[in-house]
Amino acid sequence: MIEIPNFKTLDITHLVCDYNGTIAKDGLVYPEVKVLFETLSKSHTIHVITADTFGSVAAQLADTPVTIKVLSSSDHTQEKADYIASLGAEKCAALGNGNNDVAMLESAALGIAIFGEEGCATPTMLASTLVCKEVTDALSLFLHPKRLVATLRQ
C-alpha cells in the first residue's frame, strides 16, 4: 500500500506494460527492463500487452516472469482497457506511450505515460496520472514508492 496524502491510497498488485515504444524499441526489449521485471516480480504480477507488431514478444520475454497478452481484436484501445478491468483496475498500474494506451491509462488506478525514444502521443500524456521520460524510471517508482508520494501528493 502506498498512501499518497490528499491524493489516494494505491494498492498496486499488477503492472501492465505496453510493449513497443514503452518497454521495447523496434521489437527489442530494453535489457534494463528485464532486470527490473525480475526484481518487481517478487512483489507484483507483471503483464505485457501488445499487438506484437514485430512478432518478437515471446522470444524477447521467454525467460522473464511476465504474462504476455497479445491483442486479437480490431479495437486495441478497448481491448487494453478491458484487460485492465479483468485484473481489477483498482489494483493496476498501466504504462504506455501510444494513442491506443489512453483508455488503459485512464482506467488503471495509476496511469504512467512513457516519453521514451519513440515519443508519447499527446492524448496519452493527458490521460496519465504522471509522465516519466524512460520506462526504467517508471518501473523504479515501484521499488522506491516514496518517489510516487513526492510526485503525486497534494
N, C-alpha and C. Protein backbone atom coordinates (compact mmCIF):
# COMPACT_ATOMS: atom_id res chain seq x y z
N MET A 1 0.84 -1.18 0.00
CA MET A 1 0.00 0.00 0.00
C MET A 1 0.88 1.25 0.00
N ILE A 2 0.49 2.18 -0.83
CA ILE A 2 1.19 3.45 -0.89
C ILE A 2 0.17 4.54 -0.61
N GLU A 3 0.29 5.16 0.54
CA GLU A 3 -0.64 6.23 0.89
C GLU A 3 -0.05 7.55 0.41
N ILE A 4 -0.79 8.22 -0.46
CA ILE A 4 -0.35 9.49 -1.03
C ILE A 4 -1.25 10.58 -0.48
N PRO A 5 -0.70 11.44 0.39
CA PRO A 5 -1.52 12.46 1.04
C PRO A 5 -2.34 13.32 0.07
N ASN A 6 -3.62 13.44 0.40
CA ASN A 6 -4.56 14.26 -0.36
C ASN A 6 -4.68 13.86 -1.83
N PHE A 7 -4.30 12.62 -2.13
CA PHE A 7 -4.46 12.10 -3.49
C PHE A 7 -5.25 10.81 -3.42
N LYS A 8 -4.61 9.71 -3.07
CA LYS A 8 -5.29 8.44 -2.86
C LYS A 8 -4.32 7.43 -2.30
N THR A 9 -4.86 6.32 -1.85
CA THR A 9 -4.04 5.20 -1.40
C THR A 9 -4.02 4.17 -2.52
N LEU A 10 -2.83 3.80 -2.92
CA LEU A 10 -2.67 2.83 -4.00
C LEU A 10 -2.32 1.46 -3.43
N ASP A 11 -2.99 0.44 -3.94
CA ASP A 11 -2.68 -0.95 -3.59
C ASP A 11 -2.45 -1.69 -4.91
N ILE A 12 -1.31 -1.41 -5.51
CA ILE A 12 -0.99 -1.93 -6.85
C ILE A 12 -0.40 -3.34 -6.73
N THR A 13 -1.06 -4.29 -7.38
CA THR A 13 -0.52 -5.65 -7.44
C THR A 13 -0.16 -6.05 -8.87
N HIS A 14 -0.73 -5.35 -9.85
CA HIS A 14 -0.48 -5.66 -11.26
C HIS A 14 0.20 -4.47 -11.95
N LEU A 15 1.29 -4.74 -12.64
CA LEU A 15 1.92 -3.75 -13.51
C LEU A 15 1.66 -4.20 -14.94
N VAL A 16 0.96 -3.36 -15.70
CA VAL A 16 0.58 -3.70 -17.07
C VAL A 16 1.32 -2.76 -18.01
N CYS A 17 2.18 -3.34 -18.84
CA CYS A 17 3.04 -2.55 -19.71
C CYS A 17 2.73 -2.79 -21.18
N ASP A 18 2.56 -1.71 -21.90
CA ASP A 18 2.55 -1.77 -23.35
C ASP A 18 3.94 -2.24 -23.78
N TYR A 19 4.05 -2.77 -24.97
CA TYR A 19 5.33 -3.33 -25.43
C TYR A 19 6.12 -2.31 -26.25
N ASN A 20 5.82 -2.20 -27.55
CA ASN A 20 6.61 -1.32 -28.41
C ASN A 20 6.42 0.14 -28.04
N GLY A 21 7.54 0.82 -27.89
CA GLY A 21 7.54 2.22 -27.52
C GLY A 21 7.57 2.44 -26.02
N THR A 22 7.23 1.40 -25.27
CA THR A 22 7.19 1.51 -23.81
C THR A 22 8.33 0.72 -23.18
N ILE A 23 8.32 -0.62 -23.35
CA ILE A 23 9.42 -1.43 -22.79
C ILE A 23 10.35 -1.96 -23.87
N ALA A 24 10.00 -1.68 -25.13
CA ALA A 24 10.80 -2.18 -26.26
C ALA A 24 10.89 -1.13 -27.36
N LYS A 25 11.92 -1.24 -28.13
CA LYS A 25 12.11 -0.39 -29.31
C LYS A 25 12.36 -1.30 -30.51
N ASP A 26 11.59 -1.11 -31.55
CA ASP A 26 11.71 -1.93 -32.75
C ASP A 26 11.63 -3.42 -32.44
N GLY A 27 10.78 -3.77 -31.47
CA GLY A 27 10.56 -5.17 -31.13
C GLY A 27 11.56 -5.77 -30.17
N LEU A 28 12.54 -4.99 -29.70
CA LEU A 28 13.58 -5.50 -28.80
C LEU A 28 13.43 -4.86 -27.42
N VAL A 29 13.30 -5.71 -26.40
CA VAL A 29 13.13 -5.23 -25.03
C VAL A 29 14.42 -4.59 -24.54
N TYR A 30 14.28 -3.46 -23.87
CA TYR A 30 15.45 -2.83 -23.25
C TYR A 30 15.99 -3.79 -22.18
N PRO A 31 17.29 -4.09 -22.20
CA PRO A 31 17.86 -5.05 -21.23
C PRO A 31 17.59 -4.68 -19.77
N GLU A 32 17.59 -3.39 -19.45
CA GLU A 32 17.36 -2.96 -18.07
C GLU A 32 15.95 -3.31 -17.61
N VAL A 33 15.02 -3.37 -18.54
CA VAL A 33 13.63 -3.70 -18.21
C VAL A 33 13.54 -5.13 -17.69
N LYS A 34 14.25 -6.05 -18.34
CA LYS A 34 14.23 -7.44 -17.89
C LYS A 34 14.75 -7.57 -16.46
N VAL A 35 15.79 -6.84 -16.14
CA VAL A 35 16.34 -6.86 -14.78
C VAL A 35 15.31 -6.33 -13.79
N LEU A 36 14.68 -5.22 -14.12
CA LEU A 36 13.65 -4.66 -13.24
C LEU A 36 12.46 -5.60 -13.10
N PHE A 37 12.05 -6.25 -14.18
CA PHE A 37 10.94 -7.19 -14.11
C PHE A 37 11.26 -8.33 -13.14
N GLU A 38 12.49 -8.83 -13.17
CA GLU A 38 12.90 -9.90 -12.25
C GLU A 38 12.69 -9.46 -10.81
N THR A 39 13.14 -8.27 -10.48
CA THR A 39 13.02 -7.75 -9.12
C THR A 39 11.56 -7.48 -8.77
N LEU A 40 10.86 -6.80 -9.65
CA LEU A 40 9.47 -6.42 -9.39
C LEU A 40 8.53 -7.62 -9.31
N SER A 41 8.88 -8.71 -9.97
CA SER A 41 8.01 -9.89 -9.98
C SER A 41 7.89 -10.53 -8.60
N LYS A 42 8.76 -10.15 -7.68
CA LYS A 42 8.68 -10.67 -6.32
C LYS A 42 7.53 -10.04 -5.54
N SER A 43 7.08 -8.87 -5.99
CA SER A 43 6.01 -8.17 -5.27
C SER A 43 4.81 -7.81 -6.15
N HIS A 44 4.93 -7.96 -7.46
CA HIS A 44 3.86 -7.60 -8.39
C HIS A 44 3.74 -8.68 -9.47
N THR A 45 2.55 -8.78 -10.04
CA THR A 45 2.36 -9.59 -11.23
C THR A 45 2.55 -8.65 -12.42
N ILE A 46 3.41 -9.04 -13.34
CA ILE A 46 3.75 -8.16 -14.46
C ILE A 46 3.10 -8.71 -15.73
N HIS A 47 2.46 -7.80 -16.46
CA HIS A 47 1.77 -8.15 -17.70
C HIS A 47 2.33 -7.28 -18.82
N VAL A 48 2.50 -7.89 -19.97
CA VAL A 48 2.90 -7.14 -21.17
C VAL A 48 1.79 -7.33 -22.18
N ILE A 49 1.24 -6.21 -22.65
CA ILE A 49 0.11 -6.24 -23.57
C ILE A 49 0.54 -5.61 -24.89
N THR A 50 0.29 -6.32 -25.99
CA THR A 50 0.88 -5.89 -27.25
C THR A 50 0.13 -6.43 -28.47
N ALA A 51 0.24 -5.70 -29.55
CA ALA A 51 -0.21 -6.21 -30.84
C ALA A 51 0.89 -7.08 -31.46
N ASP A 52 2.06 -7.06 -30.86
CA ASP A 52 3.23 -7.82 -31.32
C ASP A 52 3.56 -7.53 -32.77
N THR A 53 3.68 -6.25 -33.07
CA THR A 53 3.94 -5.76 -34.42
C THR A 53 5.13 -6.45 -35.08
N PHE A 54 6.18 -6.70 -34.32
CA PHE A 54 7.40 -7.29 -34.87
C PHE A 54 7.45 -8.81 -34.68
N GLY A 55 6.45 -9.39 -34.03
CA GLY A 55 6.41 -10.83 -33.82
C GLY A 55 7.51 -11.32 -32.90
N SER A 56 7.98 -10.47 -31.99
CA SER A 56 9.15 -10.80 -31.19
C SER A 56 8.89 -10.94 -29.69
N VAL A 57 7.70 -10.62 -29.24
CA VAL A 57 7.47 -10.53 -27.80
C VAL A 57 7.75 -11.84 -27.06
N ALA A 58 7.30 -12.96 -27.58
CA ALA A 58 7.50 -14.24 -26.89
C ALA A 58 8.98 -14.57 -26.75
N ALA A 59 9.74 -14.41 -27.81
CA ALA A 59 11.17 -14.70 -27.75
C ALA A 59 11.91 -13.71 -26.85
N GLN A 60 11.52 -12.45 -26.94
CA GLN A 60 12.20 -11.41 -26.15
C GLN A 60 11.98 -11.58 -24.65
N LEU A 61 10.82 -12.10 -24.27
CA LEU A 61 10.49 -12.22 -22.84
C LEU A 61 10.42 -13.67 -22.37
N ALA A 62 11.02 -14.58 -23.12
CA ALA A 62 10.92 -16.02 -22.84
C ALA A 62 11.33 -16.39 -21.42
N ASP A 63 12.37 -15.83 -20.90
CA ASP A 63 12.87 -16.20 -19.57
C ASP A 63 12.56 -15.13 -18.53
N THR A 64 11.53 -14.35 -18.78
CA THR A 64 11.19 -13.24 -17.91
C THR A 64 9.85 -13.54 -17.24
N PRO A 65 9.71 -13.25 -15.94
CA PRO A 65 8.48 -13.59 -15.22
C PRO A 65 7.33 -12.63 -15.51
N VAL A 66 6.76 -12.76 -16.72
CA VAL A 66 5.66 -11.89 -17.13
C VAL A 66 4.56 -12.73 -17.78
N THR A 67 3.36 -12.17 -17.77
CA THR A 67 2.25 -12.72 -18.52
C THR A 67 2.13 -11.88 -19.79
N ILE A 68 2.11 -12.53 -20.93
CA ILE A 68 2.02 -11.82 -22.21
C ILE A 68 0.59 -11.92 -22.72
N LYS A 69 0.03 -10.78 -23.08
CA LYS A 69 -1.30 -10.73 -23.69
C LYS A 69 -1.14 -10.13 -25.08
N VAL A 70 -1.33 -10.97 -26.11
CA VAL A 70 -1.28 -10.49 -27.49
C VAL A 70 -2.69 -10.09 -27.89
N LEU A 71 -2.83 -8.86 -28.32
CA LEU A 71 -4.14 -8.33 -28.70
C LEU A 71 -4.66 -9.03 -29.94
N SER A 72 -5.98 -9.26 -29.96
CA SER A 72 -6.54 -10.01 -31.09
C SER A 72 -7.75 -9.33 -31.71
N SER A 73 -8.27 -8.29 -31.09
CA SER A 73 -9.47 -7.64 -31.61
C SER A 73 -9.09 -6.56 -32.64
N SER A 74 -10.10 -5.96 -33.22
CA SER A 74 -9.86 -4.85 -34.15
C SER A 74 -9.80 -3.51 -33.41
N ASP A 75 -10.12 -3.51 -32.10
CA ASP A 75 -10.10 -2.29 -31.30
C ASP A 75 -9.13 -2.48 -30.13
N HIS A 76 -7.86 -2.22 -30.39
CA HIS A 76 -6.83 -2.44 -29.37
C HIS A 76 -6.99 -1.51 -28.17
N THR A 77 -7.48 -0.31 -28.39
CA THR A 77 -7.69 0.62 -27.29
C THR A 77 -8.66 0.03 -26.28
N GLN A 78 -9.79 -0.46 -26.76
CA GLN A 78 -10.80 -1.05 -25.87
C GLN A 78 -10.31 -2.36 -25.28
N GLU A 79 -9.61 -3.15 -26.06
CA GLU A 79 -9.12 -4.44 -25.56
C GLU A 79 -8.13 -4.24 -24.41
N LYS A 80 -7.30 -3.21 -24.50
CA LYS A 80 -6.37 -2.91 -23.41
C LYS A 80 -7.12 -2.47 -22.16
N ALA A 81 -8.12 -1.62 -22.32
CA ALA A 81 -8.93 -1.19 -21.17
C ALA A 81 -9.67 -2.37 -20.55
N ASP A 82 -10.20 -3.26 -21.38
CA ASP A 82 -10.90 -4.44 -20.89
C ASP A 82 -9.97 -5.35 -20.10
N TYR A 83 -8.72 -5.44 -20.54
CA TYR A 83 -7.74 -6.27 -19.84
C TYR A 83 -7.50 -5.72 -18.43
N ILE A 84 -7.35 -4.40 -18.34
CA ILE A 84 -7.18 -3.75 -17.03
C ILE A 84 -8.39 -4.06 -16.15
N ALA A 85 -9.58 -3.94 -16.71
CA ALA A 85 -10.81 -4.22 -15.95
C ALA A 85 -10.84 -5.67 -15.47
N SER A 86 -10.39 -6.60 -16.30
CA SER A 86 -10.42 -8.02 -15.93
C SER A 86 -9.48 -8.33 -14.76
N LEU A 87 -8.44 -7.52 -14.60
CA LEU A 87 -7.50 -7.72 -13.49
C LEU A 87 -7.97 -7.03 -12.21
N GLY A 88 -8.89 -6.09 -12.37
CA GLY A 88 -9.31 -5.24 -11.25
C GLY A 88 -8.56 -3.93 -11.35
N ALA A 89 -9.15 -2.96 -12.01
CA ALA A 89 -8.48 -1.69 -12.33
C ALA A 89 -7.87 -1.02 -11.10
N GLU A 90 -8.53 -1.16 -9.95
CA GLU A 90 -8.04 -0.51 -8.73
C GLU A 90 -6.73 -1.11 -8.23
N LYS A 91 -6.33 -2.25 -8.78
CA LYS A 91 -5.08 -2.92 -8.39
C LYS A 91 -4.00 -2.79 -9.46
N CYS A 92 -4.28 -1.99 -10.49
CA CYS A 92 -3.38 -1.92 -11.65
C CYS A 92 -2.67 -0.58 -11.79
N ALA A 93 -1.42 -0.67 -12.19
CA ALA A 93 -0.70 0.47 -12.75
C ALA A 93 -0.48 0.12 -14.21
N ALA A 94 -0.71 1.07 -15.10
CA ALA A 94 -0.55 0.84 -16.53
C ALA A 94 0.49 1.80 -17.07
N LEU A 95 1.36 1.29 -17.96
CA LEU A 95 2.41 2.08 -18.57
C LEU A 95 2.27 2.00 -20.08
N GLY A 96 2.29 3.15 -20.75
CA GLY A 96 2.17 3.15 -22.20
C GLY A 96 2.58 4.47 -22.80
N ASN A 97 2.64 4.50 -24.13
CA ASN A 97 3.05 5.73 -24.83
C ASN A 97 2.18 6.06 -26.04
N GLY A 98 1.38 5.12 -26.50
CA GLY A 98 0.66 5.32 -27.75
C GLY A 98 -0.79 5.72 -27.58
N ASN A 99 -1.39 6.18 -28.66
CA ASN A 99 -2.81 6.55 -28.64
C ASN A 99 -3.69 5.40 -28.16
N ASN A 100 -3.31 4.17 -28.51
CA ASN A 100 -4.15 3.04 -28.10
C ASN A 100 -3.96 2.66 -26.63
N ASP A 101 -3.16 3.44 -25.89
CA ASP A 101 -2.98 3.21 -24.45
C ASP A 101 -3.84 4.15 -23.60
N VAL A 102 -4.51 5.11 -24.22
CA VAL A 102 -5.25 6.12 -23.48
C VAL A 102 -6.26 5.50 -22.52
N ALA A 103 -7.15 4.66 -22.98
CA ALA A 103 -8.20 4.10 -22.13
C ALA A 103 -7.61 3.21 -21.04
N MET A 104 -6.53 2.52 -21.35
CA MET A 104 -5.86 1.68 -20.36
C MET A 104 -5.30 2.53 -19.22
N LEU A 105 -4.65 3.64 -19.55
CA LEU A 105 -4.09 4.53 -18.54
C LEU A 105 -5.18 5.22 -17.73
N GLU A 106 -6.26 5.59 -18.39
CA GLU A 106 -7.38 6.24 -17.69
C GLU A 106 -8.06 5.29 -16.71
N SER A 107 -8.18 4.02 -17.07
CA SER A 107 -8.95 3.10 -16.24
C SER A 107 -8.13 2.51 -15.09
N ALA A 108 -6.83 2.47 -15.20
CA ALA A 108 -5.97 1.92 -14.14
C ALA A 108 -5.94 2.87 -12.94
N ALA A 109 -5.67 2.33 -11.77
CA ALA A 109 -5.54 3.15 -10.57
C ALA A 109 -4.41 4.16 -10.73
N LEU A 110 -3.38 3.78 -11.48
CA LEU A 110 -2.24 4.66 -11.74
C LEU A 110 -1.84 4.49 -13.20
N GLY A 111 -1.93 5.55 -13.97
CA GLY A 111 -1.56 5.52 -15.38
C GLY A 111 -0.27 6.31 -15.58
N ILE A 112 0.73 5.66 -16.16
CA ILE A 112 2.02 6.31 -16.36
C ILE A 112 2.32 6.36 -17.86
N ALA A 113 2.44 7.57 -18.38
CA ALA A 113 2.82 7.75 -19.78
C ALA A 113 4.35 7.75 -19.85
N ILE A 114 4.87 7.06 -20.84
CA ILE A 114 6.31 6.98 -21.04
C ILE A 114 6.69 7.81 -22.25
N PHE A 115 7.52 8.80 -22.01
CA PHE A 115 8.02 9.65 -23.09
C PHE A 115 9.42 9.15 -23.43
N GLY A 116 9.47 8.02 -24.14
CA GLY A 116 10.74 7.38 -24.46
C GLY A 116 11.26 7.80 -25.83
N GLU A 117 12.06 6.93 -26.40
CA GLU A 117 12.70 7.23 -27.69
C GLU A 117 11.70 7.40 -28.82
N GLU A 118 10.54 6.75 -28.73
CA GLU A 118 9.50 6.89 -29.76
C GLU A 118 8.62 8.10 -29.52
N GLY A 119 8.78 8.74 -28.37
CA GLY A 119 7.90 9.84 -28.01
C GLY A 119 6.64 9.30 -27.36
N CYS A 120 5.70 10.20 -27.13
CA CYS A 120 4.45 9.83 -26.47
C CYS A 120 3.33 10.64 -27.11
N ALA A 121 2.23 9.97 -27.43
CA ALA A 121 1.08 10.65 -28.01
C ALA A 121 0.51 11.63 -26.98
N THR A 122 0.18 12.81 -27.42
CA THR A 122 -0.35 13.85 -26.52
C THR A 122 -1.58 13.37 -25.76
N PRO A 123 -2.56 12.72 -26.39
CA PRO A 123 -3.72 12.24 -25.62
C PRO A 123 -3.31 11.25 -24.51
N THR A 124 -2.26 10.50 -24.74
CA THR A 124 -1.79 9.55 -23.73
C THR A 124 -1.21 10.29 -22.54
N MET A 125 -0.43 11.32 -22.82
CA MET A 125 0.12 12.13 -21.74
C MET A 125 -1.01 12.75 -20.91
N LEU A 126 -2.01 13.27 -21.58
CA LEU A 126 -3.12 13.93 -20.89
C LEU A 126 -3.98 12.95 -20.09
N ALA A 127 -4.00 11.69 -20.50
CA ALA A 127 -4.80 10.67 -19.82
C ALA A 127 -4.07 10.06 -18.62
N SER A 128 -2.79 10.33 -18.50
CA SER A 128 -1.99 9.68 -17.47
C SER A 128 -2.05 10.42 -16.13
N THR A 129 -1.67 9.72 -15.09
CA THR A 129 -1.53 10.31 -13.77
C THR A 129 -0.20 11.03 -13.67
N LEU A 130 0.82 10.44 -14.30
CA LEU A 130 2.14 11.06 -14.35
C LEU A 130 2.86 10.62 -15.60
N VAL A 131 3.93 11.36 -15.92
CA VAL A 131 4.72 11.08 -17.12
C VAL A 131 6.16 10.85 -16.69
N CYS A 132 6.78 9.82 -17.22
CA CYS A 132 8.21 9.55 -16.98
C CYS A 132 8.93 9.58 -18.31
N LYS A 133 10.18 10.03 -18.27
CA LYS A 133 10.92 10.12 -19.53
C LYS A 133 11.41 8.76 -20.02
N GLU A 134 11.61 7.83 -19.10
CA GLU A 134 12.05 6.49 -19.50
C GLU A 134 11.30 5.44 -18.71
N VAL A 135 11.13 4.27 -19.30
CA VAL A 135 10.39 3.21 -18.64
C VAL A 135 11.12 2.73 -17.39
N THR A 136 12.43 2.77 -17.39
CA THR A 136 13.16 2.35 -16.19
C THR A 136 12.87 3.27 -15.01
N ASP A 137 12.69 4.56 -15.29
CA ASP A 137 12.31 5.50 -14.23
C ASP A 137 10.94 5.12 -13.68
N ALA A 138 10.00 4.81 -14.57
CA ALA A 138 8.64 4.47 -14.15
C ALA A 138 8.62 3.18 -13.33
N LEU A 139 9.30 2.16 -13.80
CA LEU A 139 9.32 0.89 -13.07
C LEU A 139 10.00 1.03 -11.71
N SER A 140 11.01 1.87 -11.64
CA SER A 140 11.73 2.08 -10.38
C SER A 140 10.85 2.74 -9.32
N LEU A 141 9.79 3.42 -9.73
CA LEU A 141 8.86 4.01 -8.77
C LEU A 141 8.28 2.96 -7.83
N PHE A 142 8.13 1.74 -8.32
CA PHE A 142 7.54 0.67 -7.51
C PHE A 142 8.55 0.02 -6.58
N LEU A 143 9.82 0.30 -6.81
CA LEU A 143 10.87 -0.14 -5.89
C LEU A 143 11.15 0.94 -4.84
N HIS A 144 10.80 2.18 -5.18
CA HIS A 144 11.02 3.34 -4.31
C HIS A 144 9.72 4.15 -4.26
N PRO A 145 8.69 3.63 -3.59
CA PRO A 145 7.36 4.25 -3.63
C PRO A 145 7.30 5.67 -3.06
N LYS A 146 8.25 6.07 -2.26
CA LYS A 146 8.22 7.44 -1.76
C LYS A 146 8.40 8.45 -2.90
N ARG A 147 8.93 8.00 -4.01
CA ARG A 147 9.03 8.87 -5.19
C ARG A 147 7.63 9.19 -5.71
N LEU A 148 6.74 8.20 -5.67
CA LEU A 148 5.35 8.43 -6.06
C LEU A 148 4.69 9.42 -5.11
N VAL A 149 4.95 9.25 -3.83
CA VAL A 149 4.39 10.16 -2.83
C VAL A 149 4.87 11.58 -3.11
N ALA A 150 6.17 11.74 -3.35
CA ALA A 150 6.72 13.07 -3.56
C ALA A 150 6.13 13.73 -4.80
N THR A 151 5.85 12.95 -5.82
CA THR A 151 5.34 13.50 -7.07
C THR A 151 3.84 13.76 -7.03
N LEU A 152 3.07 12.89 -6.41
CA LEU A 152 1.61 12.94 -6.52
C LEU A 152 0.87 13.56 -5.33
N ARG A 153 1.54 13.75 -4.22
CA ARG A 153 0.81 14.33 -3.07
C ARG A 153 0.35 15.75 -3.42
N GLN A 154 -0.72 16.14 -2.75
CA GLN A 154 -1.26 17.48 -2.99
C GLN A 154 -1.20 18.32 -1.73
